[in-house]
Amino acid sequence: MTNADSSDSNRPEGATSQRPRLLATAIGLIVAVLVAEATLWLTNQPRFPVPHTFPPQFMLVGEPDAQGWVRHVNKPSTTIRFRYESDPREYFGTDRTVGHTTNSLGFRGGEFPLVETRDGGIEAIGEKPDGVLRIVFLGDSVTFGEGVHDSDTFVERVGRGLSTRLSRPIEVYNFGVGGHNTSDARWVWQRYARHLDPDLVIYTFVLNDAEPRLFRLEQTSGQPTRIPRSIEARWTEWTSQPEGWWTGSRLARLAWKLQAGWKLDRKTLGYYRELNASYSPHWHACREQLEALQQIEPTPLVVVFPMLFDLAAHPFRPVHLAITDTCSRTEIIDLWETLAGRAGNNTPELWVHPTDTHPNEIAHKFAAGVITQRLETLLRDPEQSDSAP
């Protein structure tokens, strides 16, 4: 007997029998990987949607304040077109575009009965018609209705719905501007909206309204510049297609996308919790503005529009409660429950697009339904709220 034969005879029988099993397992894994790669290639997965395109969207108004911040409104007298790379709900149309129409003052919709005077002030044109219920809406891009056709914004829907329910003429004026915070909403009221002598004022609060203002003088050039939000850089980084030698593998791309999505969710959650925390200077500034807004006449109703982030779990409930506490002198309409019920466990169903988390036409429709119903109740029974006319 040779040494080799002696070695084989001394090897445990189990070790010899494991060789085919290990080989079969390895081959099976390789085949599974190849099949998975082929499937991902054939289905063109994973996809990394490209953000929508849009033209210059804003116009600066007035002089900078002592800290260099500059106010802004929408670009006036134009149609601001957002073009998306895809149309998942067949809503955008053949050119995959949403047009946002603005008037000469830089607000969404047709001309308002307001005019800018030679000295830069604002004054009303004509008298308010008898019998008309006039409502002004203050807010940010959600109120403006980014990504939604002109007639589908919740502002326009509320106007049509109330007119039908109350059988009276309703005028609605959309003063929403992308990037506006609570301070900006108060400024819009003081500069523009109060001159309309409205019967109702509605302010839509979103969690990002606690962020600082959007435009500030750049220290080196002295020119106004847009101040990016820290979360924006993460959103761009973790939703864009990765680069590197390893991205030739579709499985590697999928793993990266899943991990990046998890990181972005955690970052988003932390960002908005920190922004609206009780110790945050941004929240303190926001709270002061909310309290000041409640001093105007008529007292605004506050609509709380939830961030479209994991609506089923509602991780920002403490912020909603803080808003309710701060706005205790007025009527609160919280839309979380309605939108959570509509979305179920699929919050992105209410996004304009996979690359645009603004509320889509579905969310605007359901929001309008809740607001319209509540306003009808208040208008028919004014004793229910001191904010009703």
Protein backbone atom coordinates (compact mmCIF):
# COMPACT_ATOMS: atom_id res chain seq x y z
CA MET A 1 0.00 0.00 0.00
CA THR A 2 1.40 3.39 -1.00
CA ASN A 3 1.52 6.41 1.27
CA ALA A 4 -1.24 8.06 -0.78
CA ASP A 5 -3.46 5.02 -0.38
CA SER A 6 -2.70 4.98 3.33
CA SER A 7 -3.60 8.69 3.59
CA ASP A 8 -6.92 8.19 1.79
CA SER A 9 -7.79 5.22 3.92
CA ASN A 10 -7.11 7.16 7.08
CA ARG A 11 -9.28 10.18 6.00
CA PRO A 12 -12.69 10.24 7.70
CA GLU A 13 -15.48 8.97 5.49
CA GLY A 14 -17.59 12.12 6.20
CA ALA A 15 -14.87 14.45 4.91
CA THR A 16 -14.72 12.58 1.63
CA SER A 17 -18.50 12.68 1.20
CA GLN A 18 -18.64 16.44 1.90
CA ARG A 19 -16.60 17.31 -1.19
CA PRO A 20 -19.44 16.84 -3.71
CA ARG A 21 -21.82 18.71 -1.44
CA LEU A 22 -19.53 21.72 -1.12
CA LEU A 23 -18.88 21.69 -4.85
CA ALA A 24 -22.62 21.50 -5.58
CA THR A 25 -23.30 24.36 -3.16
CA ALA A 26 -20.62 26.53 -4.76
CA ILE A 27 -21.94 25.81 -8.24
CA GLY A 28 -25.48 26.52 -7.06
CA LEU A 29 -24.45 29.89 -5.62
CA ILE A 30 -22.61 30.84 -8.79
CA VAL A 31 -25.62 29.87 -10.91
CA ALA A 32 -27.96 31.84 -8.59
CA VAL A 33 -25.75 34.93 -8.86
CA LEU A 34 -25.59 34.65 -12.63
CA VAL A 35 -29.36 34.19 -12.88
CA ALA A 36 -29.94 37.17 -10.58
CA GLU A 37 -27.53 39.31 -12.61
CA ALA A 38 -29.20 38.28 -15.86
CA THR A 39 -32.66 39.00 -14.46
CA LEU A 40 -31.61 42.45 -13.27
CA TRP A 41 -30.06 43.21 -16.67
CA LEU A 42 -33.14 42.03 -18.56
CA THR A 43 -35.48 44.10 -16.37
CA ASN A 44 -33.11 47.07 -16.29
CA GLN A 45 -32.92 47.05 -12.50
CA PRO A 46 -32.07 48.72 -10.26
CA ARG A 47 -33.16 52.06 -11.68
CA PHE A 48 -31.88 55.43 -10.45
CA PRO A 49 -34.44 58.05 -11.54
CA VAL A 50 -33.11 61.37 -12.80
CA PRO A 51 -34.41 64.49 -11.00
CA HIS A 52 -36.84 66.69 -12.91
CA THR A 53 -35.64 69.72 -14.82
CA PHE A 54 -36.92 73.22 -14.13
CA PRO A 55 -36.11 76.82 -15.09
CA PRO A 56 -35.19 79.65 -12.66
CA GLN A 57 -38.07 79.56 -10.22
CA PHE A 58 -37.79 82.58 -7.91
CA MET A 59 -37.50 86.36 -7.88
CA LEU A 60 -35.90 88.31 -5.03
CA VAL A 61 -37.92 91.10 -3.44
CA GLY A 62 -36.63 94.14 -1.55
CA GLU A 63 -33.34 94.77 0.19
CA PRO A 64 -31.43 92.34 2.43
CA ASP A 65 -32.02 92.61 6.16
CA ALA A 66 -29.30 93.21 8.76
CA GLN A 67 -28.20 89.55 8.59
CA GLY A 68 -28.11 89.55 4.77
CA TRP A 69 -31.27 87.50 4.23
CA VAL A 70 -33.38 88.41 1.19
CA ARG A 71 -37.09 87.66 0.65
CA HIS A 72 -38.33 85.93 -2.48
CA VAL A 73 -41.48 85.05 -4.40
CA ASN A 74 -42.09 82.89 -7.46
CA LYS A 75 -40.88 84.13 -10.82
CA PRO A 76 -43.72 86.39 -12.04
CA SER A 77 -45.88 86.32 -15.18
CA THR A 78 -44.68 82.98 -16.50
CA THR A 79 -45.29 79.27 -16.57
CA ILE A 80 -42.67 77.45 -14.51
CA ARG A 81 -42.36 74.05 -16.19
CA PHE A 82 -41.11 70.94 -14.42
CA ARG A 83 -40.23 68.09 -16.75
CA TYR A 84 -39.99 64.56 -15.35
CA GLU A 85 -38.16 61.61 -16.87
CA SER A 86 -41.15 59.29 -16.44
CA ASP A 87 -44.89 59.42 -15.83
CA PRO A 88 -45.73 56.63 -13.35
CA ARG A 89 -49.41 57.61 -12.95
CA GLU A 90 -49.94 58.95 -16.51
CA TYR A 91 -50.62 62.35 -14.94
CA PHE A 92 -47.99 64.61 -16.49
CA GLY A 93 -49.07 64.18 -20.11
CA THR A 94 -47.25 63.25 -23.29
CA ASP A 95 -44.37 65.65 -22.62
CA ARG A 96 -44.12 64.61 -18.94
CA THR A 97 -44.42 68.25 -17.89
CA VAL A 98 -46.26 70.18 -15.18
CA GLY A 99 -46.76 73.90 -15.74
CA HIS A 100 -47.09 76.23 -12.74
CA THR A 101 -48.75 79.48 -13.87
CA THR A 102 -47.82 82.66 -11.97
CA ASN A 103 -49.21 86.19 -12.06
CA SER A 104 -47.46 89.56 -12.19
CA LEU A 105 -46.80 89.57 -8.43
CA GLY A 106 -45.17 86.12 -8.47
CA PHE A 107 -47.98 84.01 -7.02
CA ARG A 108 -49.74 81.02 -8.49
CA GLY A 109 -52.86 81.52 -10.56
CA GLY A 110 -54.47 84.43 -12.35
CA GLU A 111 -54.06 88.09 -11.50
CA PHE A 112 -54.88 89.14 -7.94
CA PRO A 113 -56.70 92.48 -7.31
CA LEU A 114 -53.41 93.92 -6.06
CA VAL A 115 -50.84 96.19 -7.65
CA GLU A 116 -47.34 97.32 -6.76
CA THR A 117 -47.12 101.09 -6.38
CA ARG A 118 -44.28 103.32 -7.56
CA ASP A 119 -42.76 103.42 -4.10
CA GLY A 120 -42.65 99.62 -3.96
CA GLY A 121 -45.70 99.14 -1.76
CA ILE A 122 -48.77 97.02 -2.46
CA GLU A 123 -52.36 98.20 -2.61
CA ALA A 124 -55.71 96.69 -3.53
CA ILE A 125 -57.52 97.34 -6.79
CA GLY A 126 -61.23 98.00 -6.51
CA GLU A 127 -63.67 96.88 -3.83
CA LYS A 128 -64.36 93.36 -2.66
CA PRO A 129 -67.62 92.18 -4.30
CA ASP A 130 -70.65 91.83 -2.04
CA GLY A 131 -71.50 88.29 -1.01
CA VAL A 132 -68.09 86.89 -1.92
CA LEU A 133 -66.17 84.78 0.59
CA ARG A 134 -62.50 85.63 0.15
CA ILE A 135 -59.87 83.16 1.39
CA VAL A 136 -56.09 83.59 1.29
CA PHE A 137 -53.66 80.69 1.67
CA LEU A 138 -50.15 81.18 3.06
CA GLY A 139 -47.42 78.55 2.90
CA ASP A 140 -44.53 77.01 1.03
CA SER A 141 -44.14 74.71 -1.99
CA VAL A 142 -46.89 72.41 -0.70
CA THR A 143 -49.40 75.27 -0.78
CA PHE A 144 -47.99 76.44 -4.11
CA GLY A 145 -48.52 72.90 -5.39
CA GLU A 146 -45.18 71.96 -6.93
CA GLY A 147 -45.58 69.06 -9.34
CA VAL A 148 -49.37 69.45 -9.60
CA HIS A 149 -51.35 71.05 -12.43
CA ASP A 150 -52.89 74.46 -11.71
CA SER A 151 -56.46 73.21 -11.28
CA ASP A 152 -55.46 70.28 -9.04
CA THR A 153 -53.87 72.13 -6.12
CA PHE A 154 -55.73 71.78 -2.85
CA VAL A 155 -56.22 75.57 -2.86
CA GLU A 156 -58.19 75.47 -6.11
CA ARG A 157 -60.07 72.35 -5.04
CA VAL A 158 -61.12 73.98 -1.76
CA GLY A 159 -62.43 77.00 -3.66
CA ARG A 160 -64.53 74.87 -6.01
CA GLY A 161 -65.73 72.55 -3.26
CA LEU A 162 -66.83 75.33 -0.90
CA SER A 163 -68.58 77.22 -3.68
CA THR A 164 -70.65 74.14 -4.47
CA ARG A 165 -71.41 73.23 -0.85
CA LEU A 166 -72.28 76.76 0.28
CA SER A 167 -73.89 77.90 -2.99
CA ARG A 168 -72.05 81.19 -2.90
CA PRO A 169 -69.11 82.72 -4.77
CA ILE A 170 -65.70 81.90 -3.30
CA GLU A 171 -62.42 83.61 -4.11
CA VAL A 172 -59.20 81.79 -3.22
CA TYR A 173 -55.74 83.32 -3.44
CA ASN A 174 -52.66 81.11 -3.36
CA PHE A 175 -49.73 82.92 -1.72
CA GLY A 176 -47.62 79.75 -1.40
CA VAL A 177 -43.97 80.04 -2.43
CA GLY A 178 -41.38 77.26 -2.57
CA GLY A 179 -38.76 77.58 0.16
CA HIS A 180 -40.85 79.86 2.36
CA ASN A 181 -40.76 79.34 6.11
CA THR A 182 -43.06 80.66 8.84
CA SER A 183 -41.29 84.03 8.87
CA ASP A 184 -41.84 84.35 5.13
CA ALA A 185 -45.53 83.49 5.52
CA ARG A 186 -45.92 86.35 7.99
CA TRP A 187 -44.06 88.68 5.63
CA VAL A 188 -46.35 87.69 2.74
CA TRP A 189 -49.34 88.51 4.90
CA GLN A 190 -47.99 91.91 5.88
CA ARG A 191 -46.80 92.90 2.40
CA TYR A 192 -49.46 91.36 0.18
CA ALA A 193 -52.35 89.31 1.53
CA ARG A 194 -53.78 91.69 4.14
CA HIS A 195 -54.64 94.22 1.44
CA LEU A 196 -57.25 91.78 0.09
CA ASP A 197 -59.30 92.12 3.28
CA PRO A 198 -59.89 88.35 3.41
CA ASP A 199 -62.66 86.65 5.34
CA LEU A 200 -60.47 83.62 6.03
CA VAL A 201 -56.73 83.10 6.28
CA ILE A 202 -55.28 79.60 6.09
CA TYR A 203 -51.63 78.85 6.80
CA THR A 204 -50.29 75.45 5.78
CA PHE A 205 -47.49 74.30 8.08
CA VAL A 206 -44.97 71.66 6.98
CA LEU A 207 -42.07 70.48 9.15
CA ASN A 208 -39.49 72.16 6.93
CA ASP A 209 -41.08 75.55 7.71
CA ALA A 210 -38.72 75.69 10.68
CA GLU A 211 -35.73 75.89 8.31
CA PRO A 212 -33.93 79.22 7.81
CA ARG A 213 -34.87 81.40 4.87
CA LEU A 214 -33.68 80.46 1.40
CA PHE A 215 -31.59 83.38 0.04
CA ARG A 216 -28.74 85.25 1.69
CA LEU A 217 -25.89 87.50 0.59
CA GLU A 218 -22.74 85.51 -0.11
CA GLN A 219 -19.90 86.88 2.03
CA THR A 220 -17.18 87.01 -0.63
CA SER A 221 -19.17 88.23 -3.64
CA GLY A 222 -21.88 90.13 -1.81
CA GLN A 223 -24.45 88.63 -4.18
CA PRO A 224 -27.62 86.85 -3.06
CA THR A 225 -27.25 83.09 -3.19
CA ARG A 226 -29.49 80.16 -2.39
CA ILE A 227 -28.53 78.47 0.87
CA PRO A 228 -28.72 74.69 0.34
CA ARG A 229 -30.28 72.50 3.01
CA SER A 230 -27.92 69.89 4.45
CA ILE A 231 -30.42 67.13 3.67
CA GLU A 232 -30.36 68.07 -0.03
CA ALA A 233 -26.77 66.96 -0.48
CA ARG A 234 -27.54 63.59 1.08
CA TRP A 235 -30.63 63.17 -1.08
CA THR A 236 -28.57 63.80 -4.22
CA GLU A 237 -25.75 61.52 -3.08
CA TRP A 238 -27.91 58.58 -2.04
CA THR A 239 -30.46 58.61 -4.86
CA SER A 240 -28.03 59.05 -7.78
CA GLN A 241 -26.46 56.15 -9.66
CA PRO A 242 -23.17 55.17 -7.96
CA GLU A 243 -19.82 55.24 -9.70
CA GLY A 244 -16.89 52.83 -9.46
CA TRP A 245 -15.50 49.65 -10.98
CA TRP A 246 -17.88 47.51 -8.94
CA THR A 247 -20.99 49.11 -10.49
CA GLY A 248 -20.62 46.76 -13.46
CA SER A 249 -22.51 44.27 -11.28
CA ARG A 250 -26.25 44.85 -11.11
CA LEU A 251 -26.39 42.96 -7.82
CA ALA A 252 -23.77 45.30 -6.37
CA ARG A 253 -25.79 48.29 -7.54
CA LEU A 254 -28.93 46.87 -5.95
CA ALA A 255 -27.15 46.29 -2.65
CA TRP A 256 -25.80 49.85 -2.75
CA LYS A 257 -29.26 51.25 -3.49
CA LEU A 258 -30.87 49.38 -0.61
CA GLN A 259 -28.18 50.51 1.80
CA ALA A 260 -28.30 54.11 0.53
CA GLY A 261 -32.07 54.16 0.90
CA TRP A 262 -31.78 52.98 4.48
CA LYS A 263 -29.18 55.66 5.22
CA LEU A 264 -31.31 58.36 3.60
CA ASP A 265 -34.36 57.36 5.66
CA ARG A 266 -32.35 57.55 8.87
CA LYS A 267 -30.79 60.87 7.86
CA THR A 268 -34.17 62.35 6.93
CA LEU A 269 -35.70 61.24 10.20
CA GLY A 270 -32.83 62.69 12.22
CA TYR A 271 -32.75 65.94 10.26
CA TYR A 272 -36.40 66.88 10.77
CA ARG A 273 -36.46 65.71 14.38
CA GLU A 274 -33.43 67.86 15.12
CA LEU A 275 -34.84 70.82 13.20
CA ASN A 276 -38.08 70.79 15.21
CA ALA A 277 -36.67 69.70 18.57
CA SER A 278 -37.66 71.76 21.60
CA TYR A 279 -34.05 72.89 22.08
CA SER A 280 -33.51 73.87 18.42
CA PRO A 281 -32.99 77.60 17.77
CA HIS A 282 -34.78 77.11 14.44
CA TRP A 283 -37.84 75.74 16.21
CA HIS A 284 -37.79 78.63 18.71
CA ALA A 285 -37.72 81.14 15.84
CA CYS A 286 -40.51 79.25 14.08
CA ARG A 287 -42.61 79.16 17.25
CA GLU A 288 -42.27 82.92 17.68
CA GLN A 289 -43.53 83.46 14.14
CA LEU A 290 -46.44 81.07 14.68
CA GLU A 291 -47.46 82.98 17.79
CA ALA A 292 -47.20 86.27 15.89
CA LEU A 293 -49.34 84.91 13.05
CA GLN A 294 -52.10 84.20 15.53
CA GLN A 295 -52.29 87.91 16.31
CA ILE A 296 -53.41 88.96 12.84
CA GLU A 297 -57.06 89.48 11.91
CA PRO A 298 -58.74 87.28 10.97
CA THR A 299 -56.85 84.68 12.97
CA PRO A 300 -55.45 82.11 10.53
CA LEU A 301 -56.57 78.51 10.56
CA VAL A 302 -53.51 76.25 10.59
CA VAL A 303 -53.42 73.19 8.33
CA VAL A 304 -50.66 70.77 9.35
CA PHE A 305 -49.48 68.90 6.26
CA PRO A 306 -47.34 65.91 7.29
CA MET A 307 -43.98 65.13 5.77
CA LEU A 308 -44.55 62.30 3.32
CA PHE A 309 -42.21 60.00 5.20
CA ASP A 310 -43.38 56.69 6.67
CA LEU A 311 -46.91 57.96 7.27
CA ALA A 312 -48.03 54.67 8.81
CA ALA A 313 -45.52 54.95 11.68
CA HIS A 314 -45.92 58.74 11.99
CA PRO A 315 -42.44 59.34 13.47
CA PHE A 316 -43.05 63.12 13.66
CA ARG A 317 -46.14 62.96 15.84
CA PRO A 318 -44.41 64.93 18.66
CA VAL A 319 -43.88 67.84 16.26
CA HIS A 320 -47.56 67.79 15.28
CA LEU A 321 -48.47 67.92 18.96
CA ALA A 322 -46.07 70.84 19.50
CA ILE A 323 -47.73 72.73 16.64
CA THR A 324 -51.16 72.10 18.15
CA ASP A 325 -49.91 73.39 21.50
CA THR A 326 -48.34 76.49 19.94
CA CYS A 327 -51.42 77.29 17.87
CA SER A 328 -53.89 76.77 20.71
CA ARG A 329 -55.70 80.03 19.90
CA THR A 330 -56.80 78.92 16.48
CA GLU A 331 -58.36 76.03 14.56
CA ILE A 332 -55.99 73.18 13.67
CA ILE A 333 -56.60 70.83 10.75
CA ASP A 334 -54.09 67.97 10.88
CA LEU A 335 -53.97 65.98 7.66
CA TRP A 336 -51.80 63.12 8.90
CA GLU A 337 -54.59 60.64 9.60
CA THR A 338 -56.30 61.22 6.25
CA LEU A 339 -53.12 60.88 4.18
CA ALA A 340 -51.84 57.93 6.22
CA GLY A 341 -55.13 56.13 5.64
CA ARG A 342 -54.89 56.77 1.90
CA ALA A 343 -51.24 55.71 1.59
CA GLY A 344 -51.33 52.71 3.92
CA ASN A 345 -47.80 51.34 4.11
CA ASN A 346 -46.82 52.88 0.79
CA THR A 347 -46.11 56.56 1.48
CA PRO A 348 -44.33 57.07 -1.91
CA GLU A 349 -47.74 56.51 -3.52
CA LEU A 350 -48.46 60.13 -2.57
CA TRP A 351 -45.23 61.53 -4.05
CA VAL A 352 -45.25 63.57 -7.24
CA HIS A 353 -42.47 61.33 -8.59
CA PRO A 354 -39.81 58.96 -7.21
CA THR A 355 -37.43 61.94 -7.37
CA ASP A 356 -39.92 64.51 -6.02
CA THR A 357 -41.47 63.90 -2.60
CA HIS A 358 -43.94 66.79 -2.81
CA PRO A 359 -47.59 65.74 -2.42
CA ASN A 360 -49.08 64.63 -5.73
CA GLU A 361 -52.57 65.24 -7.10
CA ILE A 362 -53.95 62.35 -5.01
CA ALA A 363 -52.67 63.90 -1.78
CA HIS A 364 -53.97 67.34 -2.81
CA LYS A 365 -57.41 65.90 -3.51
CA PHE A 366 -57.69 64.20 -0.12
CA ALA A 367 -56.27 67.25 1.69
CA ALA A 368 -58.82 69.47 -0.05
CA GLY A 369 -61.64 67.17 1.01
CA VAL A 370 -60.73 67.41 4.70
CA ILE A 371 -60.18 71.18 4.59
CA THR A 372 -63.39 71.82 2.65
CA GLN A 373 -65.49 69.74 5.03
CA ARG A 374 -64.05 71.48 8.09
CA LEU A 375 -64.47 74.95 6.62
CA GLU A 376 -68.05 74.22 5.67
CA THR A 377 -68.79 73.21 9.26
CA LEU A 378 -67.14 76.35 10.65
CA LEU A 379 -68.89 78.65 8.19
CA ARG A 380 -72.29 77.15 8.84
CA ASP A 381 -71.77 77.26 12.60
CA PRO A 382 -69.34 80.12 13.39
CA GLU A 383 -69.68 79.59 17.13
CA GLN A 384 -67.50 76.48 16.77
CA SER A 385 -64.43 78.62 16.20
CA ASP A 386 -63.40 82.20 16.85
CA SER A 387 -61.42 82.11 13.59
CA ALA A 388 -64.50 81.76 11.39
CA PRO A 389 -65.95 84.96 9.86
